[in-house]
């Protein structure tokens, strides 16, 4: 006799169902949206939180890590402090504690359409099409609870030089969960740079669960940068899906310094020929931080090119995880796909786990992957010190040079400078003498 053995629900899993029952009637959207939400929470209840026996979550056992699920945050009109990116000149959309987005009126003058998610939900739309690689219990939670976010549409042949920032700010005084969903669409021949930033207070175990949908139509150029600078007790989960049409160019650049535990999950689909995707990410982690980057790149059509370069700087007892897979389907001849993960270890107690993969069914391709980890180059350090540069400064220069290669991939000078400044602040805190022994 076969008996199915199921683990008992954790407190967090039980809380999800209880919280949904309590707030479902108050969540925005039509009956059709409500039905989608119910299906999502049912999937979550059936699967539970992901754990290490699931291959994609082997290195990030969320069932063990997420002991409690904070209740949904209450929208706030609280004033916000200094921005994570300093004085970056950008069109700024602000979302505080999961409340309604504050929109800049000037964007309409640029030809850009910006809508609130609540408007989309009122029209009866929530999920849309999300590609392979986005399905997870975390995404189901987002679908069940999400109530805020923005949609940005850049028309055909419109070029927006000034970046658009979506500032997601958490100010909660006690643990709470914030659920967001954003969308960026760039019409044929258009271009834009969008920066999503996340920040919040230290010492509070809040949770952020965000989902972002990106689309670049024919010959469009879209740069999407994410800066995750959440508080030291926070958890941050992100699902990002993108599709690139014929001749389009997409750059994705996640930059992670915050949260006790974070996971960025990316799924990229090539829906047109001669498209180009560049993923360049950095995570700077210390203390006992855990940062997970998991990505899936699906080459389905010919003459596509993808570059994935992810770098981690790990101090103290931090742990960095990178899982990347490039799939080249049979019709995707002349694909050029490259993937590289590099980790700089500032401490003997830090840990990195890397799992790059290639799955190729076409015979005329150029693909490769690699993974390296190591300490600061002692010869280079000696070279700098021999020229009168103090050890702390020399270490900082080497770490910033290591990170700088990724920052340069963004291709927007002002955004790159803001990220370099953020990296410099982190480096000066961690490039101390006892970190390299």
Protein backbone atom coordinates (compact mmCIF):
# COMPACT_ATOMS: atom_id res chain seq x y z
CA UNK A 1 0.00 0.00 0.00
CA UNK A 2 1.39 3.41 -1.00
CA UNK A 3 0.96 6.11 1.60
CA UNK A 4 1.60 9.74 0.72
CA UNK A 5 3.63 11.43 3.43
CA UNK A 6 3.18 15.18 3.72
CA UNK A 7 4.99 17.51 6.04
CA UNK A 8 2.91 19.32 8.60
CA UNK A 9 2.26 22.93 7.67
CA UNK A 10 4.63 25.43 9.20
CA UNK A 11 3.40 28.46 11.10
CA UNK A 12 4.21 30.65 8.08
CA UNK A 13 2.27 28.39 5.71
CA UNK A 14 -0.75 28.37 8.02
CA UNK A 15 -0.53 32.13 8.40
CA UNK A 16 -0.69 32.65 4.63
CA UNK A 17 -4.08 30.95 4.36
CA UNK A 18 -5.41 32.69 7.47
CA UNK A 19 -4.22 36.11 6.33
CA UNK A 20 -5.73 35.63 2.89
CA UNK A 21 -9.09 34.68 4.37
CA UNK A 22 -8.98 37.83 6.50
CA UNK A 23 -8.12 40.31 3.72
CA UNK A 24 -9.42 38.72 0.50
CA UNK A 25 -12.63 40.75 0.47
CA UNK A 26 -10.65 43.98 0.82
CA UNK A 27 -8.12 43.32 -1.94
CA UNK A 28 -8.68 45.35 -5.11
CA UNK A 29 -9.98 43.81 -8.31
CA UNK A 30 -12.97 42.29 -10.03
CA UNK A 31 -14.49 38.86 -9.43
CA UNK A 32 -12.20 37.51 -12.14
CA UNK A 33 -9.17 38.85 -10.25
CA UNK A 34 -10.52 37.40 -7.00
CA UNK A 35 -10.74 33.99 -8.69
CA UNK A 36 -7.10 34.23 -9.80
CA UNK A 37 -6.09 35.12 -6.25
CA UNK A 38 -7.97 32.13 -4.82
CA UNK A 39 -6.28 29.81 -7.29
CA UNK A 40 -2.87 31.19 -6.30
CA UNK A 41 -3.39 30.76 -2.56
CA UNK A 42 -4.70 27.23 -3.21
CA UNK A 43 -1.51 26.40 -5.13
CA UNK A 44 0.54 27.80 -2.29
CA UNK A 45 -1.38 25.78 0.31
CA UNK A 46 -0.82 22.63 -1.75
CA UNK A 47 2.91 23.14 -2.33
CA UNK A 48 3.97 24.99 0.81
CA UNK A 49 7.14 27.01 1.07
CA UNK A 50 10.06 25.83 -1.09
CA UNK A 51 12.71 23.76 0.65
CA UNK A 52 16.10 22.23 -0.07
CA UNK A 53 14.63 19.04 -1.55
CA UNK A 54 13.42 21.16 -4.46
CA UNK A 55 16.40 21.45 -6.82
CA UNK A 56 15.89 25.15 -7.60
CA UNK A 57 15.84 25.90 -3.86
CA UNK A 58 18.63 23.54 -2.84
CA UNK A 59 20.77 26.32 -1.39
CA UNK A 60 17.96 28.48 0.01
CA UNK A 61 15.70 26.47 2.29
CA UNK A 62 12.86 28.92 2.70
CA UNK A 63 10.71 26.52 4.68
CA UNK A 64 13.35 26.51 7.39
CA UNK A 65 14.25 30.20 7.12
CA UNK A 66 10.78 31.79 7.05
CA UNK A 67 9.42 30.80 10.43
CA UNK A 68 6.61 33.37 10.44
CA UNK A 69 4.84 35.26 7.68
CA UNK A 70 4.28 38.89 8.69
CA UNK A 71 0.77 40.21 7.98
CA UNK A 72 0.18 42.49 4.98
CA UNK A 73 1.37 46.03 5.63
CA UNK A 74 -1.04 48.90 6.12
CA UNK A 75 -0.64 51.61 3.49
CA UNK A 76 1.11 54.69 4.83
CA UNK A 77 1.48 58.35 3.92
CA UNK A 78 4.59 58.60 6.06
CA UNK A 79 7.29 60.99 4.84
CA UNK A 80 10.39 59.32 3.49
CA UNK A 81 13.99 60.17 4.15
CA UNK A 82 17.05 60.39 1.94
CA UNK A 83 16.97 58.28 -1.20
CA UNK A 84 19.16 55.20 -1.57
CA UNK A 85 20.64 56.64 -4.76
CA UNK A 86 21.35 60.06 -3.31
CA UNK A 87 20.74 62.95 -5.69
CA UNK A 88 20.11 60.89 -8.82
CA UNK A 89 18.21 63.04 -11.32
CA UNK A 90 15.23 60.83 -12.17
CA UNK A 91 11.48 60.84 -12.66
CA UNK A 92 10.48 59.40 -9.29
CA UNK A 93 7.52 57.15 -8.55
CA UNK A 94 7.16 56.43 -4.82
CA UNK A 95 5.40 53.50 -3.14
CA UNK A 96 5.37 53.58 0.67
CA UNK A 97 4.43 50.48 2.69
CA UNK A 98 2.50 48.98 -0.19
CA UNK A 99 0.27 52.03 -0.61
CA UNK A 100 -0.89 53.67 -3.82
CA UNK A 101 2.01 54.89 -5.99
CA UNK A 102 2.77 58.60 -5.99
CA UNK A 103 3.18 59.51 -9.65
CA UNK A 104 5.10 62.44 -11.19
CA UNK A 105 2.81 64.40 -13.50
CA UNK A 106 5.72 65.38 -15.74
CA UNK A 107 6.07 61.89 -17.22
CA UNK A 108 2.93 62.38 -19.28
CA UNK A 109 4.63 65.34 -20.96
CA UNK A 110 7.36 62.94 -22.10
CA UNK A 111 4.80 60.73 -23.82
CA UNK A 112 5.09 58.01 -21.18
CA UNK A 113 1.95 56.35 -19.87
CA UNK A 114 2.03 55.43 -16.18
CA UNK A 115 -0.82 53.55 -14.55
CA UNK A 116 -1.46 52.20 -11.08
CA UNK A 117 -1.90 48.46 -10.57
CA UNK A 118 -5.21 49.17 -8.84
CA UNK A 119 -6.52 50.48 -12.17
CA UNK A 120 -5.45 47.29 -13.92
CA UNK A 121 -7.09 45.16 -11.24
CA UNK A 122 -10.30 47.18 -11.53
CA UNK A 123 -10.29 46.29 -15.23
CA UNK A 124 -10.14 42.61 -14.35
CA UNK A 125 -6.50 41.83 -15.18
CA UNK A 126 -3.79 40.48 -12.90
CA UNK A 127 -1.63 37.61 -14.07
CA UNK A 128 -1.16 38.03 -17.81
CA UNK A 129 1.46 35.81 -19.42
CA UNK A 130 4.51 34.92 -17.35
CA UNK A 131 7.15 32.70 -18.99
CA UNK A 132 8.69 29.45 -17.87
CA UNK A 133 10.99 29.93 -14.90
CA UNK A 134 8.74 32.22 -12.86
CA UNK A 135 6.50 29.65 -11.23
CA UNK A 136 7.05 29.29 -7.48
CA UNK A 137 5.23 29.44 -4.17
CA UNK A 138 6.67 32.92 -3.66
CA UNK A 139 5.13 34.11 -6.93
CA UNK A 140 1.81 32.53 -5.89
CA UNK A 141 1.90 34.54 -2.67
CA UNK A 142 2.48 37.69 -4.71
CA UNK A 143 -0.49 36.88 -6.95
CA UNK A 144 -2.71 36.23 -3.94
CA UNK A 145 -1.89 39.36 -1.96
CA UNK A 146 -0.58 42.02 -4.35
CA UNK A 147 -2.44 45.32 -4.34
CA UNK A 148 0.03 47.93 -5.53
CA UNK A 149 2.48 48.62 -8.31
CA UNK A 150 2.82 50.56 -11.54
CA UNK A 151 2.71 49.98 -15.25
CA UNK A 152 5.02 52.05 -17.47
CA UNK A 153 4.54 52.23 -21.23
CA UNK A 154 7.04 54.00 -23.51
CA UNK A 155 5.52 54.56 -26.98
CA UNK A 156 7.13 53.61 -30.27
CA UNK A 157 10.24 55.60 -31.21
CA UNK A 158 10.17 57.61 -27.97
CA UNK A 159 13.51 57.91 -26.18
CA UNK A 160 13.54 58.79 -22.48
CA UNK A 161 17.04 59.93 -21.50
CA UNK A 162 16.27 60.69 -17.86
CA UNK A 163 15.84 57.50 -15.80
CA UNK A 164 12.53 56.58 -14.21
CA UNK A 165 12.87 55.48 -10.59
CA UNK A 166 10.33 53.32 -8.79
CA UNK A 167 11.18 53.87 -5.12
CA UNK A 168 9.67 51.17 -2.91
CA UNK A 169 10.06 52.39 0.66
CA UNK A 170 9.16 50.45 3.79
CA UNK A 171 8.62 52.43 7.01
CA UNK A 172 6.71 49.89 9.11
CA UNK A 173 7.38 50.02 12.89
CA UNK A 174 6.71 46.28 13.28
CA UNK A 175 7.04 43.23 11.03
CA UNK A 176 4.77 43.37 7.96
CA UNK A 177 4.71 42.07 4.38
CA UNK A 178 4.70 44.28 1.30
CA UNK A 179 3.56 42.85 -2.05
CA UNK A 180 4.22 44.76 -5.29
CA UNK A 181 3.91 44.12 -9.01
CA UNK A 182 5.36 46.40 -11.69
CA UNK A 183 5.42 46.29 -15.47
CA UNK A 184 7.58 48.08 -18.05
CA UNK A 185 6.79 47.95 -21.78
CA UNK A 186 8.89 49.71 -24.41
CA UNK A 187 7.36 50.16 -27.85
CA UNK A 188 9.18 49.45 -31.09
CA UNK A 189 12.24 51.64 -31.48
CA UNK A 190 11.82 53.24 -28.04
CA UNK A 191 14.28 53.36 -25.15
CA UNK A 192 14.26 53.94 -21.40
CA UNK A 193 16.18 53.23 -18.20
CA UNK A 194 14.09 52.19 -15.18
CA UNK A 195 15.53 51.85 -11.68
CA UNK A 196 13.64 50.02 -8.95
CA UNK A 197 14.93 50.74 -5.44
CA UNK A 198 13.99 49.04 -2.20
CA UNK A 199 14.85 50.36 1.25
CA UNK A 200 13.60 50.07 4.81
CA UNK A 201 14.52 50.23 8.49
CA UNK A 202 17.07 48.06 10.25
CA UNK A 203 16.02 45.91 13.18
CA UNK A 204 12.55 44.99 11.87
CA UNK A 205 11.76 41.64 10.26
CA UNK A 206 9.58 42.89 7.43
CA UNK A 207 9.15 41.06 4.13
CA UNK A 208 9.09 42.34 0.55
CA UNK A 209 7.65 40.19 -2.25
CA UNK A 210 7.89 41.90 -5.63
CA UNK A 211 7.26 40.84 -9.21
CA UNK A 212 8.29 42.76 -12.33
CA UNK A 213 7.36 42.13 -15.96
CA UNK A 214 9.60 43.60 -18.68
CA UNK A 215 8.97 43.72 -22.42
CA UNK A 216 11.08 45.21 -25.21
CA UNK A 217 9.37 45.31 -28.61
CA UNK A 218 11.12 45.32 -31.98
CA UNK A 219 14.38 47.34 -32.00
CA UNK A 220 13.64 48.75 -28.52
CA UNK A 221 16.23 49.28 -25.78
CA UNK A 222 15.31 48.72 -22.14
CA UNK A 223 17.66 48.99 -19.19
CA UNK A 224 16.26 47.83 -15.86
CA UNK A 225 18.28 48.30 -12.68
CA UNK A 226 17.27 47.03 -9.27
CA UNK A 227 18.85 48.30 -6.05
CA UNK A 228 17.92 46.22 -3.01
CA UNK A 229 18.99 48.07 0.14
CA UNK A 230 16.46 46.70 2.63
CA UNK A 231 16.99 46.61 6.38
CA UNK A 232 19.27 44.10 8.08
CA UNK A 233 16.43 41.91 9.44
CA UNK A 234 14.26 41.99 6.30
CA UNK A 235 13.55 39.26 3.78
CA UNK A 236 13.29 40.15 0.11
CA UNK A 237 11.94 37.99 -2.71
CA UNK A 238 11.77 39.10 -6.32
CA UNK A 239 10.45 37.50 -9.50
CA UNK A 240 11.44 39.16 -12.77
CA UNK A 241 10.24 38.01 -16.19
CA UNK A 242 11.27 39.56 -19.50
CA UNK A 243 10.77 39.00 -23.20
CA UNK A 244 12.84 40.49 -26.00
CA UNK A 245 11.55 40.92 -29.55
CA UNK A 246 13.41 41.08 -32.85
CA UNK A 247 16.42 43.37 -32.78
CA UNK A 248 15.75 44.59 -29.24
CA UNK A 249 18.27 45.03 -26.47
CA UNK A 250 17.60 44.37 -22.79
CA UNK A 251 19.97 45.09 -19.90
CA UNK A 252 19.12 43.82 -16.43
CA UNK A 253 21.30 44.86 -13.50
CA UNK A 254 20.41 43.77 -9.95
CA UNK A 255 22.48 45.38 -7.18
CA UNK A 256 22.05 43.81 -3.73
CA UNK A 257 23.37 45.05 -0.40
CA UNK A 258 20.42 44.64 1.97
CA UNK A 259 18.16 42.13 3.73
CA UNK A 260 19.10 39.20 5.93
CA UNK A 261 17.85 36.83 3.22
CA UNK A 262 17.12 37.68 -0.39
CA UNK A 263 16.38 35.86 -3.63
CA UNK A 264 16.19 37.30 -7.13
CA UNK A 265 14.62 34.96 -9.68
CA UNK A 266 14.89 35.88 -13.38
CA UNK A 267 13.27 34.32 -16.44
CA UNK A 268 14.23 35.71 -19.86
CA UNK A 269 12.50 34.63 -23.07
CA UNK A 270 13.74 35.39 -26.59
CA UNK A 271 10.61 36.03 -28.69
CA UNK A 272 12.36 37.51 -31.72
CA UNK A 273 15.52 36.99 -33.75
CA UNK A 274 18.71 39.08 -33.44
CA UNK A 275 17.82 40.10 -29.88
CA UNK A 276 20.43 40.84 -27.21
CA UNK A 277 20.24 40.39 -23.45
CA UNK A 278 22.83 41.52 -20.93
CA UNK A 279 22.44 40.52 -17.28
CA UNK A 280 25.03 42.03 -14.97
CA UNK A 281 24.58 41.73 -11.22
CA UNK A 282 26.39 42.52 -7.99
CA UNK A 283 25.75 41.45 -4.44
CA UNK A 284 27.73 42.87 -1.53
CA UNK A 285 27.03 40.84 1.59
CA UNK A 286 28.39 40.71 5.13
CA UNK A 287 27.45 39.52 8.61
CA UNK A 288 25.20 36.44 8.10
CA UNK A 289 23.43 37.71 4.99
CA UNK A 290 22.21 35.18 2.44
CA UNK A 291 21.77 36.29 -1.17
CA UNK A 292 20.43 34.00 -3.92
CA UNK A 293 20.38 34.80 -7.65
CA UNK A 294 18.59 32.23 -9.82
CA UNK A 295 18.07 32.77 -13.54
CA UNK A 296 16.73 30.99 -16.61
CA UNK A 297 17.48 32.25 -20.12
CA UNK A 298 15.40 30.70 -22.89
CA UNK A 299 16.85 31.02 -26.41
CA UNK A 300 13.99 29.90 -28.66
CA UNK A 301 14.87 31.70 -31.91
CA UNK A 302 18.01 32.15 -34.07
CA UNK A 303 20.77 34.74 -33.79
CA UNK A 304 20.20 35.68 -30.17
CA UNK A 305 22.96 36.78 -27.82
CA UNK A 306 23.01 36.73 -24.04
CA UNK A 307 25.68 37.69 -21.53
CA UNK A 308 25.35 36.93 -17.83
CA UNK A 309 28.00 38.31 -15.48
CA UNK A 310 27.33 38.14 -11.75
CA UNK A 311 29.78 39.12 -9.03
CA UNK A 312 29.59 38.62 -5.28
CA UNK A 313 31.72 40.19 -2.56
CA UNK A 314 31.25 38.19 0.64
CA UNK A 315 32.47 39.16 4.09
CA UNK A 316 32.17 37.64 7.57
CA UNK A 317 29.69 34.70 7.45
CA UNK A 318 27.75 35.79 4.38
CA UNK A 319 26.57 33.26 1.82
CA UNK A 320 26.14 33.91 -1.87
CA UNK A 321 24.20 31.62 -4.21
CA UNK A 322 24.17 31.69 -8.00
CA UNK A 323 22.13 29.31 -10.13
CA UNK A 324 21.99 30.04 -13.83
CA UNK A 325 20.69 28.05 -16.78
CA UNK A 326 20.87 28.85 -20.49
CA UNK A 327 18.48 26.80 -22.63
CA UNK A 328 19.12 26.78 -26.39
CA UNK A 329 16.21 25.23 -28.26
CA UNK A 330 16.54 23.38 -31.55
CA UNK A 331 15.47 26.36 -33.69
CA UNK A 332 17.85 28.76 -31.94
CA UNK A 333 20.77 28.33 -34.35
CA UNK A 334 23.69 30.77 -34.15
CA UNK A 335 22.95 31.55 -30.52
CA UNK A 336 25.79 33.21 -28.60
CA UNK A 337 25.37 32.68 -24.87
CA UNK A 338 27.95 33.30 -22.13
CA UNK A 339 27.57 33.00 -18.37
CA UNK A 340 30.11 33.81 -15.65
CA UNK A 341 29.93 34.00 -11.87
CA UNK A 342 32.81 35.42 -9.83
CA UNK A 343 33.04 35.70 -6.06
CA UNK A 344 35.53 37.68 -4.00
CA UNK A 345 35.86 36.23 -0.51
CA UNK A 346 36.84 38.68 2.21
CA UNK A 347 36.56 36.12 5.00
CA UNK A 348 37.39 32.45 5.55
CA UNK A 349 33.91 32.00 7.03
CA UNK A 350 32.04 33.27 3.96
CA UNK A 351 30.50 30.74 1.56
CA UNK A 352 29.56 30.70 -2.10
CA UNK A 353 27.50 28.13 -4.02
CA UNK A 354 27.48 28.26 -7.81
CA UNK A 355 25.61 26.14 -10.33
CA UNK A 356 25.84 27.37 -13.94
CA UNK A 357 24.20 25.15 -16.57
CA UNK A 358 23.89 24.87 -20.34
CA UNK A 359 21.17 22.84 -22.07
CA UNK A 360 21.69 22.93 -25.84
CA UNK A 361 19.60 21.34 -28.60
CA UNK A 362 20.94 23.38 -31.55
CA UNK A 363 24.20 22.43 -33.29
CA UNK A 364 25.45 25.82 -34.53
CA UNK A 365 25.99 27.82 -31.34
CA UNK A 366 28.70 29.47 -29.28
CA UNK A 367 27.99 28.99 -25.60
CA UNK A 368 30.03 28.76 -22.44
CA UNK A 369 29.88 29.17 -18.69
CA UNK A 370 32.27 29.48 -15.79
CA UNK A 371 32.55 30.10 -12.08
CA UNK A 372 35.45 31.33 -9.95
CA UNK A 373 35.98 32.35 -6.35
CA UNK A 374 39.00 33.58 -4.46
CA UNK A 375 40.61 36.11 -2.15
CA UNK A 376 42.02 39.54 -2.87
CA UNK A 377 45.12 39.23 -5.06
CA UNK A 378 48.04 39.63 -2.65
CA UNK A 379 50.42 40.60 -5.45
CA UNK A 380 48.18 43.48 -6.53
CA UNK A 381 47.74 44.50 -2.90
CA UNK A 382 51.51 44.50 -2.40
CA UNK A 383 51.95 46.51 -5.61
CA UNK A 384 49.59 49.25 -4.39
CA UNK A 385 51.06 49.33 -0.88
CA UNK A 386 54.58 49.56 -2.31
CA UNK A 387 53.48 52.81 -3.94
CA UNK A 388 52.47 54.34 -0.65
CA UNK A 389 48.77 53.51 -0.69
CA UNK A 390 47.49 52.52 2.79
CA UNK A 391 46.28 48.94 3.10
CA UNK A 392 42.64 49.86 3.77
CA UNK A 393 42.56 52.14 0.74
CA UNK A 394 44.33 49.57 -1.43
CA UNK A 395 41.82 46.87 -0.52
CA UNK A 396 38.96 49.25 -1.23
CA UNK A 397 40.37 50.10 -4.65
CA UNK A 398 40.68 46.43 -5.59
CA UNK A 399 37.16 45.58 -4.43
CA UNK A 400 35.68 48.57 -6.23
CA UNK A 401 37.53 47.61 -9.42
CA UNK A 402 36.10 44.09 -9.12
CA UNK A 403 32.57 45.47 -8.82
CA UNK A 404 33.12 48.25 -11.33
CA UNK A 405 33.22 45.88 -14.29
CA UNK A 406 29.55 45.10 -13.70
CA UNK A 407 28.54 48.72 -13.06
CA UNK A 408 30.02 49.71 -16.42
CA UNK A 409 27.65 47.31 -18.17
CA UNK A 410 24.66 49.48 -17.23
CA UNK A 411 25.51 52.08 -19.85
CA UNK A 412 23.88 55.03 -18.06
CA UNK A 413 26.46 57.38 -16.55
CA UNK A 414 24.32 58.93 -13.80
CA UNK A 415 22.91 55.59 -12.63
CA UNK A 416 26.38 54.04 -12.75
CA UNK A 417 27.79 56.84 -10.60
CA UNK A 418 25.02 56.37 -8.03
CA UNK A 419 25.73 52.65 -7.81
CA UNK A 420 29.47 53.23 -7.57
CA UNK A 421 28.86 55.56 -4.64
CA UNK A 422 26.70 52.96 -2.92
CA UNK A 423 29.36 50.31 -3.51
CA UNK A 424 32.07 52.61 -2.16
CA UNK A 425 30.15 53.13 1.09
CA UNK A 426 29.80 49.37 1.55
CA UNK A 427 33.43 48.69 0.70
CA UNK A 428 34.73 51.24 3.18
CA UNK A 429 32.80 49.44 5.93
CA UNK A 430 34.09 45.99 5.00
CA UNK A 431 37.57 46.40 3.49
CA UNK A 432 39.22 46.37 6.88
CA UNK A 433 42.46 44.70 7.81
CA UNK A 434 41.02 41.77 9.74
CA UNK A 435 38.81 40.74 6.76
CA UNK A 436 41.86 39.50 4.85
CA UNK A 437 44.00 37.22 6.97
